[in-house]
C-alpha atoms as a PDB file:
ATOM      1  CA  MET A   1     -14.010 -50.653 -56.126  1.00  0.00           C
ATOM      2  CA  SER A   2     -12.760 -47.173 -56.727  1.00  0.00           C
ATOM      3  CA  LEU A   3     -13.077 -43.950 -54.845  1.00  0.00           C
ATOM      4  CA  HIS A   4     -13.597 -40.818 -56.860  1.00  0.00           C
ATOM      5  CA  HIS A   5     -12.847 -37.793 -54.721  1.00  0.00           C
ATOM      6  CA  THR A   6     -14.963 -34.917 -55.930  1.00  0.00           C
ATOM      7  CA  THR A   7     -14.231 -31.220 -55.636  1.00  0.00           C
ATOM      8  CA  GLN A   8     -17.883 -30.299 -56.027  1.00  0.00           C
ATOM      9  CA  PHE A   9     -20.087 -29.259 -53.125  1.00  0.00           C
ATOM     10  CA  PRO A  10     -23.331 -31.184 -53.712  1.00  0.00           C
ATOM     11  CA  THR A  11     -26.307 -30.249 -51.557  1.00  0.00           C
ATOM     12  CA  SER A  12     -27.649 -33.815 -51.654  1.00  0.00           C
ATOM     13  CA  TYR A  13     -25.410 -36.532 -50.197  1.00  0.00           C
ATOM     14  CA  VAL A  14     -25.070 -39.384 -47.688  1.00  0.00           C
ATOM     15  CA  VAL A  15     -22.908 -38.979 -44.587  1.00  0.00           C
ATOM     16  CA  LEU A  16     -21.239 -42.256 -43.586  1.00  0.00           C
ATOM     17  CA  ASP A  17     -19.489 -43.291 -40.377  1.00  0.00           C
ATOM     18  CA  PHE A  18     -18.264 -46.623 -39.025  1.00  0.00           C
ATOM     19  CA  GLU A  19     -17.201 -47.603 -35.534  1.00  0.00           C
ATOM     20  CA  THR A  20     -14.899 -50.619 -35.702  1.00  0.00           C
ATOM     21  CA  THR A  21     -12.995 -53.163 -33.612  1.00  0.00           C
ATOM     22  CA  GLY A  22      -9.717 -51.504 -34.629  1.00  0.00           C
ATOM     23  CA  PHE A  23      -8.062 -49.341 -37.229  1.00  0.00           C
ATOM     24  CA  SER A  24      -7.118 -51.904 -39.909  1.00  0.00           C
ATOM     25  CA  ALA A  25      -9.812 -52.567 -42.501  1.00  0.00           C
ATOM     26  CA  ALA A  26      -7.933 -55.737 -43.452  1.00  0.00           C
ATOM     27  CA  HIS A  27      -8.066 -57.247 -39.937  1.00  0.00           C
ATOM     28  CA  ASP A  28     -10.763 -55.436 -37.967  1.00  0.00           C
ATOM     29  CA  GLU A  29     -14.548 -55.377 -38.275  1.00  0.00           C
ATOM     30  CA  PRO A  30     -17.330 -52.783 -38.242  1.00  0.00           C
ATOM     31  CA  ILE A  31     -19.397 -52.815 -35.041  1.00  0.00           C
ATOM     32  CA  GLN A  32     -21.662 -49.855 -35.816  1.00  0.00           C
ATOM     33  CA  VAL A  33     -22.589 -47.955 -38.955  1.00  0.00           C
ATOM     34  CA  ALA A  34     -24.631 -44.859 -39.601  1.00  0.00           C
ATOM     35  CA  ALA A  35     -25.570 -43.383 -42.952  1.00  0.00           C
ATOM     36  CA  ILE A  36     -27.747 -40.296 -43.136  1.00  0.00           C
ATOM     37  CA  CYS A  37     -29.224 -39.001 -46.411  1.00  0.00           C
ATOM     38  CA  TYR A  38     -29.500 -35.284 -47.013  1.00  0.00           C
ATOM     39  CA  ASP A  39     -31.391 -33.511 -49.788  1.00  0.00           C
ATOM     40  CA  GLN A  40     -30.741 -29.780 -50.058  1.00  0.00           C
ATOM     41  CA  PHE A  41     -28.950 -30.063 -46.692  1.00  0.00           C
ATOM     42  CA  GLN A  42     -32.087 -31.462 -45.013  1.00  0.00           C
ATOM     43  CA  GLU A  43     -32.063 -34.929 -43.467  1.00  0.00           C
ATOM     44  CA  THR A  44     -34.407 -37.230 -45.372  1.00  0.00           C
ATOM     45  CA  ALA A  45     -33.542 -40.727 -44.138  1.00  0.00           C
ATOM     46  CA  SER A  46     -31.145 -42.585 -41.870  1.00  0.00           C
ATOM     47  CA  PHE A  47     -29.671 -46.057 -41.584  1.00  0.00           C
ATOM     48  CA  VAL A  48     -28.159 -46.844 -38.180  1.00  0.00           C
ATOM     49  CA  THR A  49     -27.305 -50.216 -36.687  1.00  0.00           C
ATOM     50  CA  PHE A  50     -24.874 -52.110 -34.548  1.00  0.00           C
ATOM     51  CA  ILE A  51     -23.097 -54.955 -36.354  1.00  0.00           C
ATOM     52  CA  ARG A  52     -22.186 -58.213 -34.626  1.00  0.00           C
ATOM     53  CA  PRO A  53     -18.457 -58.933 -35.122  1.00  0.00           C
ATOM     54  CA  THR A  54     -16.966 -62.413 -35.166  1.00  0.00           C
ATOM     55  CA  LYS A  55     -14.786 -61.645 -32.098  1.00  0.00           C
ATOM     56  CA  PRO A  56     -15.367 -59.735 -28.847  1.00  0.00           C
ATOM     57  CA  VAL A  57     -15.033 -55.953 -28.925  1.00  0.00           C
ATOM     58  CA  PRO A  58     -11.544 -55.132 -27.584  1.00  0.00           C
ATOM     59  CA  ALA A  59     -11.415 -53.255 -24.270  1.00  0.00           C
ATOM     60  CA  ASN A  60      -9.561 -50.289 -25.834  1.00  0.00           C
ATOM     61  CA  ILE A  61     -12.337 -49.928 -28.429  1.00  0.00           C
ATOM     62  CA  THR A  62     -15.010 -50.071 -25.714  1.00  0.00           C
ATOM     63  CA  ALA A  63     -13.104 -47.334 -23.863  1.00  0.00           C
ATOM     64  CA  PHE A  64     -12.914 -45.270 -27.084  1.00  0.00           C
ATOM     65  CA  THR A  65     -16.475 -45.778 -28.400  1.00  0.00           C
ATOM     66  CA  GLY A  66     -18.470 -46.978 -25.407  1.00  0.00           C
ATOM     67  CA  ILE A  67     -19.601 -49.977 -27.490  1.00  0.00           C
ATOM     68  CA  THR A  68     -19.370 -53.284 -25.631  1.00  0.00           C
ATOM     69  CA  THR A  69     -19.493 -56.893 -26.762  1.00  0.00           C
ATOM     70  CA  GLU A  70     -22.901 -57.080 -25.069  1.00  0.00           C
ATOM     71  CA  ASP A  71     -24.165 -54.139 -27.163  1.00  0.00           C
ATOM     72  CA  VAL A  72     -23.443 -56.008 -30.395  1.00  0.00           C
ATOM     73  CA  ALA A  73     -24.170 -59.592 -29.225  1.00  0.00           C
ATOM     74  CA  HIS A  74     -27.632 -59.725 -30.817  1.00  0.00           C
ATOM     75  CA  ALA A  75     -27.016 -57.269 -33.666  1.00  0.00           C
ATOM     76  CA  PRO A  76     -27.302 -58.303 -37.303  1.00  0.00           C
ATOM     77  CA  THR A  77     -24.165 -59.609 -38.993  1.00  0.00           C
ATOM     78  CA  ILE A  78     -22.211 -57.726 -41.602  1.00  0.00           C
ATOM     79  CA  HIS A  79     -23.751 -60.042 -44.237  1.00  0.00           C
ATOM     80  CA  ASP A  80     -27.198 -58.841 -43.182  1.00  0.00           C
ATOM     81  CA  VAL A  81     -26.225 -55.169 -42.977  1.00  0.00           C
ATOM     82  CA  PHE A  82     -23.984 -54.443 -45.970  1.00  0.00           C
ATOM     83  CA  PRO A  83     -26.323 -55.204 -48.885  1.00  0.00           C
ATOM     84  CA  GLU A  84     -28.935 -52.961 -47.260  1.00  0.00           C
ATOM     85  CA  LEU A  85     -26.326 -50.269 -46.517  1.00  0.00           C
ATOM     86  CA  VAL A  86     -25.007 -50.224 -50.090  1.00  0.00           C
ATOM     87  CA  ASN A  87     -28.572 -50.002 -51.383  1.00  0.00           C
ATOM     88  CA  PHE A  88     -29.264 -47.152 -48.955  1.00  0.00           C
ATOM     89  CA  ILE A  89     -26.224 -45.190 -50.177  1.00  0.00           C
ATOM     90  CA  GLY A  90     -27.202 -45.734 -53.799  1.00  0.00           C
ATOM     91  CA  LYS A  91     -25.510 -43.349 -56.203  1.00  0.00           C
ATOM     92  CA  ASP A  92     -25.335 -40.383 -53.831  1.00  0.00           C
ATOM     93  CA  ALA A  93     -22.032 -38.724 -52.998  1.00  0.00           C
ATOM     94  CA  ILE A  94     -20.614 -39.947 -49.701  1.00  0.00           C
ATOM     95  CA  VAL A  95     -19.447 -37.359 -47.176  1.00  0.00           C
ATOM     96  CA  ALA A  96     -17.177 -38.671 -44.415  1.00  0.00           C
ATOM     97  CA  HIS A  97     -14.616 -37.295 -41.996  1.00  0.00           C
ATOM     98  CA  ASN A  98     -11.276 -38.935 -42.787  1.00  0.00           C
ATOM     99  CA  ALA A  99     -13.104 -40.654 -45.633  1.00  0.00           C
ATOM    100  CA  SER A 100     -10.332 -43.106 -46.481  1.00  0.00           C
ATOM    101  CA  PHE A 101     -10.932 -44.894 -43.151  1.00  0.00           C
ATOM    102  CA  ASP A 102     -14.675 -45.384 -43.592  1.00  0.00           C
ATOM    103  CA  LEU A 103     -14.483 -46.098 -47.313  1.00  0.00           C
ATOM    104  CA  LYS A 104     -11.781 -48.715 -46.791  1.00  0.00           C
ATOM    105  CA  PHE A 105     -14.069 -50.605 -44.381  1.00  0.00           C
ATOM    106  CA  LEU A 106     -16.929 -50.272 -46.867  1.00  0.00           C
ATOM    107  CA  GLU A 107     -14.794 -51.332 -49.836  1.00  0.00           C
ATOM    108  CA  ILE A 108     -13.059 -54.329 -48.244  1.00  0.00           C
ATOM    109  CA  ASN A 109     -16.256 -55.746 -46.798  1.00  0.00           C
ATOM    110  CA  MET A 110     -18.143 -55.292 -50.075  1.00  0.00           C
ATOM    111  CA  GLN A 111     -15.360 -57.201 -51.821  1.00  0.00           C
ATOM    112  CA  LYS A 112     -15.385 -59.977 -49.188  1.00  0.00           C
ATOM    113  CA  MET A 113     -19.122 -60.420 -49.725  1.00  0.00           C
ATOM    114  CA  GLY A 114     -18.936 -60.272 -53.507  1.00  0.00           C
ATOM    115  CA  LEU A 115     -21.161 -57.196 -53.724  1.00  0.00           C
ATOM    116  CA  PRO A 116     -21.087 -55.433 -57.111  1.00  0.00           C
ATOM    117  CA  TYR A 117     -18.294 -52.997 -57.936  1.00  0.00           C
ATOM    118  CA  THR A 118     -19.262 -49.419 -57.163  1.00  0.00           C
ATOM    119  CA  LYS A 119     -17.378 -46.207 -57.840  1.00  0.00           C
ATOM    120  CA  PHE A 120     -18.408 -43.892 -55.017  1.00  0.00           C
ATOM    121  CA  ARG A 121     -18.130 -40.122 -55.237  1.00  0.00           C
ATOM    122  CA  VAL A 122     -16.432 -39.132 -51.989  1.00  0.00           C
ATOM    123  CA  ILE A 123     -16.108 -35.845 -50.138  1.00  0.00           C
ATOM    124  CA  ASP A 124     -13.665 -35.877 -47.229  1.00  0.00           C
ATOM    125  CA  THR A 125     -14.423 -33.185 -44.661  1.00  0.00           C
ATOM    126  CA  VAL A 126     -10.869 -33.207 -43.240  1.00  0.00           C
ATOM    127  CA  PRO A 127      -9.295 -31.154 -46.075  1.00  0.00           C
ATOM    128  CA  LEU A 128     -12.398 -28.956 -46.211  1.00  0.00           C
ATOM    129  CA  ALA A 129     -12.149 -28.255 -42.489  1.00  0.00           C
ATOM    130  CA  ARG A 130      -8.435 -27.468 -42.829  1.00  0.00           C
ATOM    131  CA  ARG A 131      -9.293 -24.913 -45.485  1.00  0.00           C
ATOM    132  CA  TYR A 132     -12.366 -23.286 -43.936  1.00  0.00           C
ATOM    133  CA  ILE A 133     -12.243 -23.823 -40.152  1.00  0.00           C
ATOM    134  CA  PRO A 134      -9.606 -22.089 -38.021  1.00  0.00           C
ATOM    135  CA  ALA A 135      -9.020 -24.734 -35.356  1.00  0.00           C
ATOM    136  CA  ALA A 136      -5.970 -26.081 -33.503  1.00  0.00           C
ATOM    137  CA  ASN A 137      -6.541 -29.442 -35.216  1.00  0.00           C
ATOM    138  CA  HIS A 138      -9.221 -30.905 -37.419  1.00  0.00           C
ATOM    139  CA  ILE A 139     -10.253 -34.048 -35.610  1.00  0.00           C
ATOM    140  CA  LEU A 140     -13.998 -34.426 -35.238  1.00  0.00           C
ATOM    141  CA  PRO A 141     -14.200 -33.717 -31.462  1.00  0.00           C
ATOM    142  CA  THR A 142     -12.352 -30.402 -31.982  1.00  0.00           C
ATOM    143  CA  LEU A 143     -14.632 -29.444 -34.872  1.00  0.00           C
ATOM    144  CA  LYS A 144     -17.647 -30.468 -32.790  1.00  0.00           C
ATOM    145  CA  ASN A 145     -16.462 -27.967 -30.165  1.00  0.00           C
ATOM    146  CA  PHE A 146     -15.877 -25.254 -32.811  1.00  0.00           C
ATOM    147  CA  LEU A 147     -19.441 -25.720 -34.098  1.00  0.00           C
ATOM    148  CA  ARG A 148     -20.854 -25.770 -30.554  1.00  0.00           C
ATOM    149  CA  LEU A 149     -22.157 -29.315 -30.856  1.00  0.00           C
ATOM    150  CA  ASP A 150     -20.633 -30.506 -27.579  1.00  0.00           C
ATOM    151  CA  HIS A 151     -23.947 -32.028 -26.503  1.00  0.00           C
ATOM    152  CA  MET A 152     -23.375 -34.804 -29.070  1.00  0.00           C
ATOM    153  CA  PRO A 153     -21.265 -37.805 -28.055  1.00  0.00           C
ATOM    154  CA  SER A 154     -18.040 -38.545 -29.943  1.00  0.00           C
ATOM    155  CA  HIS A 155     -17.246 -41.909 -31.508  1.00  0.00           C
ATOM    156  CA  GLU A 156     -20.891 -42.871 -31.858  1.00  0.00           C
ATOM    157  CA  ALA A 157     -21.719 -43.373 -35.544  1.00  0.00           C
ATOM    158  CA  LYS A 158     -24.984 -41.407 -35.775  1.00  0.00           C
ATOM    159  CA  SER A 159     -23.684 -38.442 -33.768  1.00  0.00           C
ATOM    160  CA  ASP A 160     -20.464 -38.446 -35.783  1.00  0.00           C
ATOM    161  CA  CYS A 161     -22.570 -38.312 -38.958  1.00  0.00           C
ATOM    162  CA  TYR A 162     -24.452 -35.284 -37.653  1.00  0.00           C
ATOM    163  CA  VAL A 163     -21.207 -33.522 -36.739  1.00  0.00           C
ATOM    164  CA  THR A 164     -19.657 -34.412 -40.110  1.00  0.00           C
ATOM    165  CA  SER A 165     -22.685 -33.003 -41.913  1.00  0.00           C
ATOM    166  CA  ALA A 166     -22.461 -29.820 -39.829  1.00  0.00           C
ATOM    167  CA  VAL A 167     -18.767 -29.496 -40.753  1.00  0.00           C
ATOM    168  CA  TYR A 168     -19.614 -30.023 -44.420  1.00  0.00           C
ATOM    169  CA  GLN A 169     -22.452 -27.491 -44.352  1.00  0.00           C
ATOM    170  CA  TYR A 170     -20.281 -24.931 -42.528  1.00  0.00           C
ATOM    171  CA  CYS A 171     -17.514 -25.346 -45.128  1.00  0.00           C
ATOM    172  CA  HIS A 172     -20.080 -25.043 -47.929  1.00  0.00           C
ATOM    173  CA  GLN A 173     -21.343 -21.777 -46.425  1.00  0.00           C
ATOM    174  CA  GLN A 174     -17.796 -20.437 -46.089  1.00  0.00           C
ATOM    175  CA  LYS A 175     -16.943 -21.278 -49.706  1.00  0.00           C
ATOM    176  CA  PHE A 176     -20.009 -19.519 -51.090  1.00  0.00           C
ATOM    177  CA  ARG A 177     -20.064 -16.638 -48.591  1.00  0.00           C
ATOM    178  CA  TYR A 178     -18.518 -14.096 -50.900  1.00  0.00           C
END
């Protein structure tokens, strides 16, 4: 598995976001994933699901994401979700906020399941936001506020995908404004 960070600004891409049981891709598990396809900056398809982990969702993660063990108790397993997710992403560029986090969870779990090697084209919106958005910091909740998307919840995979796409589109507009 290899990540190829691209400096291009494609107008067709997949935004990816995971919510997880912790911050270590080696020890923690995905509990929710969202992937939203865009073509010419227009949403064309989405893939959103809870994922049932092998252990209970820790209390600090429930406090952070709002996702409980009960929410994921009857969800599909990672073995059910990941082949479909990888197929959904296909060969599109992946846009993610703090991409190394999400791509590490994708990469490690693909390897664990023996899914075929894939070299993803990756666009991380953190460095783009640092370059094009004048904000006190560049975490997603702050950028959500900057873009006036406060009606969307934070740390919920689908909403985070929408905010990440809005950040990406804003940065794209700023780059090509002049």
